[in-house]
Amino acid sequence: DDDVSKKIGEYIQGALKKQNVDVKLLSLPKKERLAREGRGDYDLSLASWAPDYQDATTYLNLFTTGNPFNMMDYSNKQYDRLLKQAESELDQDKRLALLSKAESVLLDDQAISPVYQRKNAFLQNTEVKNLARHNVGTDISYKYVEIERK
């Protein structure tokens, strides 16, 4: 129920309206959204996921049969098999081909519809040194930050 999610929902609602599809938006606190997803009490859900580690499986594993984050109970034997094969494939080119095929299965089934990729812009004082920004996991590490006064 934050402002960004509301704006994204309104944008999607407007885009669908142009295609003569009416969508009613219901903005819920995260706890209630998760409870409704767990009960299957929804038609569409707008949610996000940030990567925990730098690999496609940080997203793809979410939709395997039985995964606790697979709230819509998506299940496809071919998808599960491709991810299982990729898990034990040592040849990186073959592994990426398997993951790509799995992603195609997921998208062809319309189990999910990726809408956008989050990106942030930062302004940083030039006196702040060694602030680490990460693309995966936690956004920022302050462990080695130093302030160099001029």
N, C-alpha and C. Protein backbone atom coordinates (compact mmCIF):
# COMPACT_ATOMS: atom_id res chain seq x y z
N ASP A 1 0.82 -1.20 0.00
CA ASP A 1 0.00 0.00 0.00
C ASP A 1 0.86 1.27 0.00
N ASP A 2 2.09 1.17 -0.51
CA ASP A 2 2.94 2.35 -0.57
C ASP A 2 2.66 3.15 -1.85
N ASP A 3 3.15 4.37 -1.90
CA ASP A 3 2.86 5.26 -3.04
C ASP A 3 3.35 4.70 -4.36
N VAL A 4 4.55 4.11 -4.38
CA VAL A 4 5.10 3.57 -5.63
C VAL A 4 4.21 2.44 -6.15
N SER A 5 3.82 1.52 -5.28
CA SER A 5 2.96 0.40 -5.71
C SER A 5 1.61 0.91 -6.21
N LYS A 6 1.07 1.91 -5.53
CA LYS A 6 -0.21 2.48 -5.97
C LYS A 6 -0.09 3.08 -7.37
N LYS A 7 1.00 3.80 -7.61
CA LYS A 7 1.20 4.41 -8.93
C LYS A 7 1.38 3.35 -10.02
N ILE A 8 2.11 2.30 -9.70
CA ILE A 8 2.30 1.21 -10.66
C ILE A 8 0.96 0.54 -10.95
N GLY A 9 0.18 0.28 -9.91
CA GLY A 9 -1.14 -0.32 -10.09
C GLY A 9 -2.04 0.56 -10.95
N GLU A 10 -2.00 1.86 -10.71
CA GLU A 10 -2.82 2.78 -11.50
C GLU A 10 -2.37 2.81 -12.96
N TYR A 11 -1.07 2.75 -13.18
CA TYR A 11 -0.56 2.72 -14.55
C TYR A 11 -1.05 1.46 -15.28
N ILE A 12 -0.93 0.32 -14.63
CA ILE A 12 -1.37 -0.94 -15.23
C ILE A 12 -2.88 -0.90 -15.47
N GLN A 13 -3.62 -0.38 -14.50
CA GLN A 13 -5.07 -0.26 -14.65
C GLN A 13 -5.41 0.59 -15.89
N GLY A 14 -4.71 1.71 -16.06
CA GLY A 14 -4.94 2.58 -17.22
C GLY A 14 -4.59 1.90 -18.53
N ALA A 15 -3.47 1.18 -18.54
CA ALA A 15 -3.05 0.48 -19.77
C ALA A 15 -4.06 -0.60 -20.14
N LEU A 16 -4.58 -1.31 -19.16
CA LEU A 16 -5.57 -2.35 -19.43
C LEU A 16 -6.90 -1.74 -19.86
N LYS A 17 -7.25 -0.60 -19.28
CA LYS A 17 -8.49 0.08 -19.66
C LYS A 17 -8.48 0.44 -21.14
N LYS A 18 -7.32 0.83 -21.66
CA LYS A 18 -7.18 1.14 -23.09
C LYS A 18 -7.45 -0.09 -23.96
N GLN A 19 -7.32 -1.28 -23.37
CA GLN A 19 -7.59 -2.54 -24.07
C GLN A 19 -8.98 -3.08 -23.70
N ASN A 20 -9.82 -2.19 -23.14
CA ASN A 20 -11.19 -2.53 -22.73
C ASN A 20 -11.24 -3.61 -21.65
N VAL A 21 -10.25 -3.61 -20.77
CA VAL A 21 -10.23 -4.52 -19.63
C VAL A 21 -10.32 -3.68 -18.37
N ASP A 22 -11.39 -3.87 -17.60
CA ASP A 22 -11.56 -3.11 -16.36
C ASP A 22 -10.96 -3.89 -15.20
N VAL A 23 -10.12 -3.20 -14.42
CA VAL A 23 -9.47 -3.79 -13.27
C VAL A 23 -9.77 -2.92 -12.06
N LYS A 24 -10.24 -3.54 -10.99
CA LYS A 24 -10.47 -2.82 -9.73
C LYS A 24 -9.24 -2.99 -8.86
N LEU A 25 -8.70 -1.89 -8.37
CA LEU A 25 -7.51 -1.95 -7.52
C LEU A 25 -7.92 -2.00 -6.06
N LEU A 26 -7.18 -2.79 -5.30
CA LEU A 26 -7.37 -2.87 -3.86
C LEU A 26 -5.98 -2.79 -3.23
N SER A 27 -5.72 -1.69 -2.57
CA SER A 27 -4.43 -1.47 -1.94
C SER A 27 -4.46 -2.01 -0.52
N LEU A 28 -3.56 -2.92 -0.22
CA LEU A 28 -3.54 -3.58 1.09
C LEU A 28 -2.18 -3.45 1.75
N PRO A 29 -2.15 -3.40 3.08
CA PRO A 29 -0.86 -3.50 3.77
C PRO A 29 -0.22 -4.86 3.44
N LYS A 30 1.09 -4.93 3.47
CA LYS A 30 1.81 -6.13 3.06
C LYS A 30 1.32 -7.38 3.81
N LYS A 31 1.10 -7.26 5.11
CA LYS A 31 0.68 -8.42 5.90
C LYS A 31 -0.64 -8.99 5.38
N GLU A 32 -1.58 -8.10 5.06
CA GLU A 32 -2.88 -8.55 4.55
C GLU A 32 -2.74 -9.12 3.14
N ARG A 33 -1.90 -8.48 2.30
CA ARG A 33 -1.68 -9.00 0.94
C ARG A 33 -1.13 -10.42 0.99
N LEU A 34 -0.15 -10.64 1.86
CA LEU A 34 0.45 -11.97 1.98
C LEU A 34 -0.57 -12.99 2.49
N ALA A 35 -1.41 -12.58 3.43
CA ALA A 35 -2.44 -13.49 3.95
C ALA A 35 -3.42 -13.87 2.84
N ARG A 36 -3.84 -12.89 2.03
CA ARG A 36 -4.78 -13.18 0.94
C ARG A 36 -4.11 -14.06 -0.12
N GLU A 37 -2.85 -13.78 -0.43
CA GLU A 37 -2.16 -14.62 -1.40
C GLU A 37 -2.08 -16.06 -0.89
N GLY A 38 -1.78 -16.20 0.39
CA GLY A 38 -1.68 -17.54 0.99
C GLY A 38 -2.99 -18.31 0.91
N ARG A 39 -4.10 -17.60 0.99
CA ARG A 39 -5.43 -18.24 0.89
C ARG A 39 -5.89 -18.37 -0.56
N GLY A 40 -5.16 -17.75 -1.49
CA GLY A 40 -5.60 -17.76 -2.89
C GLY A 40 -6.77 -16.82 -3.11
N ASP A 41 -6.93 -15.84 -2.24
CA ASP A 41 -8.06 -14.90 -2.28
C ASP A 41 -7.69 -13.66 -3.09
N TYR A 42 -7.46 -13.86 -4.39
CA TYR A 42 -7.13 -12.75 -5.28
C TYR A 42 -7.20 -13.24 -6.72
N ASP A 43 -7.30 -12.29 -7.64
CA ASP A 43 -7.25 -12.62 -9.07
C ASP A 43 -5.87 -12.30 -9.64
N LEU A 44 -5.38 -11.11 -9.33
CA LEU A 44 -4.03 -10.67 -9.73
C LEU A 44 -3.38 -10.04 -8.52
N SER A 45 -2.08 -10.17 -8.42
CA SER A 45 -1.35 -9.58 -7.31
C SER A 45 -0.11 -8.89 -7.85
N LEU A 46 0.11 -7.67 -7.39
CA LEU A 46 1.32 -6.93 -7.75
C LEU A 46 2.30 -7.07 -6.59
N ALA A 47 3.42 -7.70 -6.85
CA ALA A 47 4.42 -7.92 -5.81
C ALA A 47 5.80 -7.74 -6.42
N SER A 48 6.79 -7.68 -5.57
CA SER A 48 8.16 -7.51 -6.06
C SER A 48 9.08 -8.50 -5.36
N TRP A 49 10.23 -8.67 -5.96
CA TRP A 49 11.25 -9.55 -5.39
C TRP A 49 12.61 -8.96 -5.71
N ALA A 50 13.44 -8.85 -4.73
CA ALA A 50 14.81 -8.38 -4.95
C ALA A 50 15.73 -9.59 -4.88
N PRO A 51 16.74 -9.65 -5.73
CA PRO A 51 17.61 -10.82 -5.76
C PRO A 51 18.43 -10.97 -4.48
N ASP A 52 18.54 -12.22 -4.04
CA ASP A 52 19.36 -12.53 -2.86
C ASP A 52 20.80 -12.84 -3.26
N TYR A 53 20.98 -13.31 -4.47
CA TYR A 53 22.31 -13.67 -4.95
C TYR A 53 22.34 -13.46 -6.47
N GLN A 54 23.53 -13.39 -7.03
CA GLN A 54 23.70 -13.02 -8.42
C GLN A 54 23.60 -14.24 -9.35
N ASP A 55 22.36 -14.68 -9.58
CA ASP A 55 22.11 -15.80 -10.47
C ASP A 55 20.62 -15.78 -10.81
N ALA A 56 20.28 -16.24 -12.00
CA ALA A 56 18.88 -16.25 -12.44
C ALA A 56 17.99 -17.09 -11.53
N THR A 57 18.57 -18.09 -10.86
CA THR A 57 17.75 -18.94 -9.99
C THR A 57 17.21 -18.19 -8.78
N THR A 58 17.75 -17.03 -8.44
CA THR A 58 17.20 -16.24 -7.34
C THR A 58 15.75 -15.85 -7.62
N TYR A 59 15.39 -15.79 -8.90
CA TYR A 59 14.01 -15.54 -9.31
C TYR A 59 13.32 -16.84 -9.72
N LEU A 60 13.98 -17.62 -10.55
CA LEU A 60 13.33 -18.79 -11.14
C LEU A 60 12.93 -19.85 -10.12
N ASN A 61 13.73 -20.04 -9.08
CA ASN A 61 13.40 -21.04 -8.06
C ASN A 61 12.10 -20.73 -7.33
N LEU A 62 11.69 -19.47 -7.32
CA LEU A 62 10.46 -19.07 -6.62
C LEU A 62 9.24 -19.81 -7.13
N PHE A 63 9.28 -20.21 -8.40
CA PHE A 63 8.08 -20.74 -9.05
C PHE A 63 8.11 -22.25 -9.23
N THR A 64 9.05 -22.92 -8.57
CA THR A 64 9.05 -24.38 -8.62
C THR A 64 7.90 -24.91 -7.78
N THR A 65 7.42 -26.06 -8.13
CA THR A 65 6.32 -26.69 -7.41
C THR A 65 6.69 -26.85 -5.93
N GLY A 66 5.83 -26.36 -5.06
CA GLY A 66 6.04 -26.52 -3.63
C GLY A 66 6.88 -25.44 -2.97
N ASN A 67 7.47 -24.52 -3.72
CA ASN A 67 8.26 -23.46 -3.11
C ASN A 67 7.33 -22.60 -2.25
N PRO A 68 7.69 -22.31 -0.99
CA PRO A 68 6.80 -21.56 -0.11
C PRO A 68 6.50 -20.13 -0.60
N PHE A 69 7.33 -19.58 -1.49
CA PHE A 69 7.07 -18.25 -2.03
C PHE A 69 6.23 -18.31 -3.30
N ASN A 70 5.92 -19.50 -3.76
CA ASN A 70 5.11 -19.71 -4.95
C ASN A 70 3.64 -19.62 -4.52
N MET A 71 3.20 -18.39 -4.23
CA MET A 71 1.88 -18.16 -3.64
C MET A 71 0.72 -18.60 -4.53
N MET A 72 0.93 -18.61 -5.84
CA MET A 72 -0.17 -18.98 -6.72
C MET A 72 -0.19 -20.48 -7.02
N ASP A 73 0.68 -21.21 -6.36
CA ASP A 73 0.77 -22.66 -6.56
C ASP A 73 1.00 -23.05 -8.01
N TYR A 74 1.79 -22.23 -8.71
CA TYR A 74 2.15 -22.57 -10.08
C TYR A 74 2.89 -23.90 -10.07
N SER A 75 2.56 -24.75 -11.03
CA SER A 75 3.23 -26.04 -11.14
C SER A 75 3.30 -26.46 -12.59
N ASN A 76 4.51 -26.75 -13.04
CA ASN A 76 4.72 -27.23 -14.40
C ASN A 76 5.89 -28.21 -14.34
N LYS A 77 5.64 -29.46 -14.68
CA LYS A 77 6.67 -30.50 -14.58
C LYS A 77 7.88 -30.19 -15.46
N GLN A 78 7.63 -29.64 -16.65
CA GLN A 78 8.75 -29.30 -17.55
C GLN A 78 9.62 -28.21 -16.91
N TYR A 79 8.99 -27.21 -16.34
CA TYR A 79 9.70 -26.12 -15.66
C TYR A 79 10.56 -26.68 -14.53
N ASP A 80 9.94 -27.48 -13.66
CA ASP A 80 10.67 -28.08 -12.54
C ASP A 80 11.85 -28.93 -13.03
N ARG A 81 11.62 -29.70 -14.09
CA ARG A 81 12.68 -30.57 -14.63
C ARG A 81 13.84 -29.73 -15.17
N LEU A 82 13.54 -28.65 -15.88
CA LEU A 82 14.60 -27.80 -16.43
C LEU A 82 15.44 -27.18 -15.33
N LEU A 83 14.80 -26.72 -14.26
CA LEU A 83 15.55 -26.14 -13.15
C LEU A 83 16.38 -27.19 -12.43
N LYS A 84 15.84 -28.38 -12.30
CA LYS A 84 16.58 -29.49 -11.67
C LYS A 84 17.82 -29.84 -12.50
N GLN A 85 17.65 -29.87 -13.84
CA GLN A 85 18.78 -30.16 -14.72
C GLN A 85 19.83 -29.06 -14.61
N ALA A 86 19.40 -27.81 -14.57
CA ALA A 86 20.33 -26.68 -14.48
C ALA A 86 21.11 -26.72 -13.17
N GLU A 87 20.48 -27.22 -12.13
CA GLU A 87 21.10 -27.29 -10.81
C GLU A 87 22.36 -28.15 -10.81
N SER A 88 22.38 -29.18 -11.64
CA SER A 88 23.54 -30.09 -11.66
C SER A 88 24.40 -29.94 -12.91
N GLU A 89 24.08 -28.99 -13.78
CA GLU A 89 24.85 -28.79 -15.01
C GLU A 89 26.11 -27.97 -14.72
N LEU A 90 27.27 -28.52 -15.05
CA LEU A 90 28.54 -27.85 -14.81
C LEU A 90 28.96 -26.93 -15.96
N ASP A 91 28.52 -27.25 -17.16
CA ASP A 91 28.83 -26.42 -18.32
C ASP A 91 27.94 -25.17 -18.27
N GLN A 92 28.56 -24.00 -18.09
CA GLN A 92 27.80 -22.77 -17.88
C GLN A 92 26.91 -22.40 -19.08
N ASP A 93 27.37 -22.64 -20.28
CA ASP A 93 26.55 -22.34 -21.46
C ASP A 93 25.31 -23.22 -21.49
N LYS A 94 25.48 -24.51 -21.19
CA LYS A 94 24.33 -25.43 -21.15
C LYS A 94 23.39 -25.06 -20.01
N ARG A 95 23.97 -24.70 -18.86
CA ARG A 95 23.16 -24.31 -17.70
C ARG A 95 22.32 -23.08 -18.02
N LEU A 96 22.92 -22.06 -18.63
CA LEU A 96 22.17 -20.86 -18.99
C LEU A 96 21.08 -21.15 -20.02
N ALA A 97 21.36 -22.07 -20.94
CA ALA A 97 20.34 -22.46 -21.93
C ALA A 97 19.15 -23.12 -21.23
N LEU A 98 19.41 -23.97 -20.24
CA LEU A 98 18.34 -24.61 -19.48
C LEU A 98 17.52 -23.58 -18.70
N LEU A 99 18.21 -22.63 -18.07
CA LEU A 99 17.50 -21.59 -17.31
C LEU A 99 16.68 -20.70 -18.23
N SER A 100 17.22 -20.40 -19.39
CA SER A 100 16.50 -19.58 -20.37
C SER A 100 15.24 -20.30 -20.84
N LYS A 101 15.36 -21.59 -21.10
CA LYS A 101 14.21 -22.39 -21.52
C LYS A 101 13.15 -22.43 -20.41
N ALA A 102 13.60 -22.59 -19.17
CA ALA A 102 12.68 -22.60 -18.04
C ALA A 102 11.94 -21.26 -17.94
N GLU A 103 12.67 -20.18 -18.09
CA GLU A 103 12.05 -18.85 -18.05
C GLU A 103 11.00 -18.72 -19.16
N SER A 104 11.29 -19.22 -20.33
CA SER A 104 10.33 -19.18 -21.44
C SER A 104 9.05 -19.95 -21.09
N VAL A 105 9.21 -21.12 -20.45
CA VAL A 105 8.04 -21.91 -20.03
C VAL A 105 7.20 -21.10 -19.05
N LEU A 106 7.84 -20.50 -18.07
CA LEU A 106 7.15 -19.70 -17.05
C LEU A 106 6.38 -18.55 -17.69
N LEU A 107 7.02 -17.85 -18.62
CA LEU A 107 6.38 -16.70 -19.26
C LEU A 107 5.30 -17.13 -20.24
N ASP A 108 5.54 -18.23 -20.96
CA ASP A 108 4.51 -18.74 -21.89
C ASP A 108 3.25 -19.16 -21.13
N ASP A 109 3.43 -19.71 -19.93
CA ASP A 109 2.28 -20.10 -19.11
C ASP A 109 1.60 -18.88 -18.47
N GLN A 110 2.22 -17.71 -18.58
CA GLN A 110 1.72 -16.49 -17.95
C GLN A 110 1.55 -16.65 -16.45
N ALA A 111 2.45 -17.44 -15.84
CA ALA A 111 2.43 -17.58 -14.39
C ALA A 111 2.76 -16.24 -13.73
N ILE A 112 3.64 -15.50 -14.38
CA ILE A 112 4.00 -14.15 -13.92
C ILE A 112 4.07 -13.25 -15.14
N SER A 113 3.97 -11.97 -14.88
CA SER A 113 4.12 -10.96 -15.93
C SER A 113 5.04 -9.87 -15.40
N PRO A 114 6.34 -9.98 -15.63
CA PRO A 114 7.25 -8.94 -15.16
C PRO A 114 6.84 -7.58 -15.72
N VAL A 115 6.80 -6.59 -14.84
CA VAL A 115 6.32 -5.27 -15.23
C VAL A 115 7.46 -4.26 -15.33
N TYR A 116 8.36 -4.30 -14.38
CA TYR A 116 9.44 -3.33 -14.38
C TYR A 116 10.61 -3.87 -13.57
N GLN A 117 11.75 -3.22 -13.73
CA GLN A 117 12.93 -3.55 -12.94
C GLN A 117 13.28 -2.32 -12.12
N ARG A 118 13.42 -2.49 -10.85
CA ARG A 118 13.70 -1.38 -9.95
C ARG A 118 15.11 -0.84 -10.18
N LYS A 119 15.25 0.45 -10.07
CA LYS A 119 16.55 1.10 -10.17
C LYS A 119 16.54 2.31 -9.26
N ASN A 120 17.65 2.62 -8.64
CA ASN A 120 17.75 3.78 -7.75
C ASN A 120 18.83 4.72 -8.23
N ALA A 121 18.65 5.98 -7.94
CA ALA A 121 19.66 7.00 -8.20
C ALA A 121 20.08 7.57 -6.85
N PHE A 122 21.37 7.87 -6.69
CA PHE A 122 21.87 8.34 -5.42
C PHE A 122 22.72 9.59 -5.62
N LEU A 123 22.64 10.48 -4.66
CA LEU A 123 23.58 11.59 -4.55
C LEU A 123 24.43 11.28 -3.32
N GLN A 124 25.73 11.45 -3.45
CA GLN A 124 26.60 11.12 -2.33
C GLN A 124 27.60 12.23 -2.13
N ASN A 125 27.75 12.66 -0.90
CA ASN A 125 28.73 13.67 -0.55
C ASN A 125 30.12 13.15 -0.89
N THR A 126 30.95 13.98 -1.48
CA THR A 126 32.30 13.56 -1.89
C THR A 126 33.20 13.23 -0.69
N GLU A 127 32.81 13.64 0.51
CA GLU A 127 33.59 13.32 1.70
C GLU A 127 33.33 11.89 2.19
N VAL A 128 32.27 11.26 1.71
CA VAL A 128 31.94 9.89 2.09
C VAL A 128 32.73 8.94 1.19
N LYS A 129 33.53 8.08 1.79
CA LYS A 129 34.38 7.15 1.05
C LYS A 129 34.04 5.70 1.43
N ASN A 130 34.23 4.79 0.48
CA ASN A 130 34.08 3.34 0.69
C ASN A 130 32.66 2.89 1.03
N LEU A 131 31.67 3.63 0.59
CA LEU A 131 30.28 3.19 0.73
C LEU A 131 30.03 2.18 -0.38
N ALA A 132 29.68 0.97 -0.01
CA ALA A 132 29.51 -0.10 -1.00
C ALA A 132 28.04 -0.25 -1.37
N ARG A 133 27.74 -0.14 -2.67
CA ARG A 133 26.39 -0.37 -3.18
C ARG A 133 26.38 -1.71 -3.90
N HIS A 134 25.31 -2.48 -3.71
CA HIS A 134 25.24 -3.83 -4.25
C HIS A 134 24.02 -3.99 -5.16
N ASN A 135 24.17 -4.78 -6.21
CA ASN A 135 23.05 -5.10 -7.09
C ASN A 135 22.20 -6.24 -6.55
N VAL A 136 22.76 -7.05 -5.68
CA VAL A 136 22.04 -8.18 -5.09
C VAL A 136 22.23 -8.16 -3.58
N GLY A 137 21.32 -8.83 -2.87
CA GLY A 137 21.41 -8.84 -1.41
C GLY A 137 21.05 -7.48 -0.85
N THR A 138 21.68 -7.12 0.23
CA THR A 138 21.42 -5.83 0.85
C THR A 138 21.87 -4.71 -0.09
N ASP A 139 21.16 -3.60 -0.09
CA ASP A 139 21.44 -2.51 -1.03
C ASP A 139 22.78 -1.83 -0.76
N ILE A 140 23.07 -1.56 0.50
CA ILE A 140 24.24 -0.77 0.86
C ILE A 140 24.96 -1.41 2.04
N SER A 141 26.31 -1.37 2.00
CA SER A 141 27.12 -1.79 3.14
C SER A 141 27.86 -0.56 3.67
N TYR A 142 27.74 -0.35 4.96
CA TYR A 142 28.38 0.81 5.60
C TYR A 142 29.65 0.41 6.35
N LYS A 143 30.00 -0.85 6.33
CA LYS A 143 31.07 -1.38 7.17
C LYS A 143 32.39 -0.61 7.03
N TYR A 144 32.76 -0.25 5.81
CA TYR A 144 34.07 0.38 5.59
C TYR A 144 33.96 1.88 5.31
N VAL A 145 32.82 2.46 5.59
CA VAL A 145 32.63 3.89 5.28
C VAL A 145 33.57 4.74 6.13
N GLU A 146 34.12 5.73 5.47
CA GLU A 146 34.96 6.74 6.15
C GLU A 146 34.51 8.11 5.68
N ILE A 147 34.66 9.08 6.56
CA ILE A 147 34.36 10.46 6.21
C ILE A 147 35.69 11.20 6.14
N GLU A 148 36.00 11.71 4.97
CA GLU A 148 37.23 12.47 4.79
C GLU A 148 36.89 13.96 4.73
N ARG A 149 37.15 14.64 5.84
CA ARG A 149 36.86 16.08 5.92
C ARG A 149 37.91 16.85 5.13
N LYS A 150 37.45 17.82 4.42
CA LYS A 150 38.39 18.64 3.61
C LYS A 150 38.86 19.84 4.38
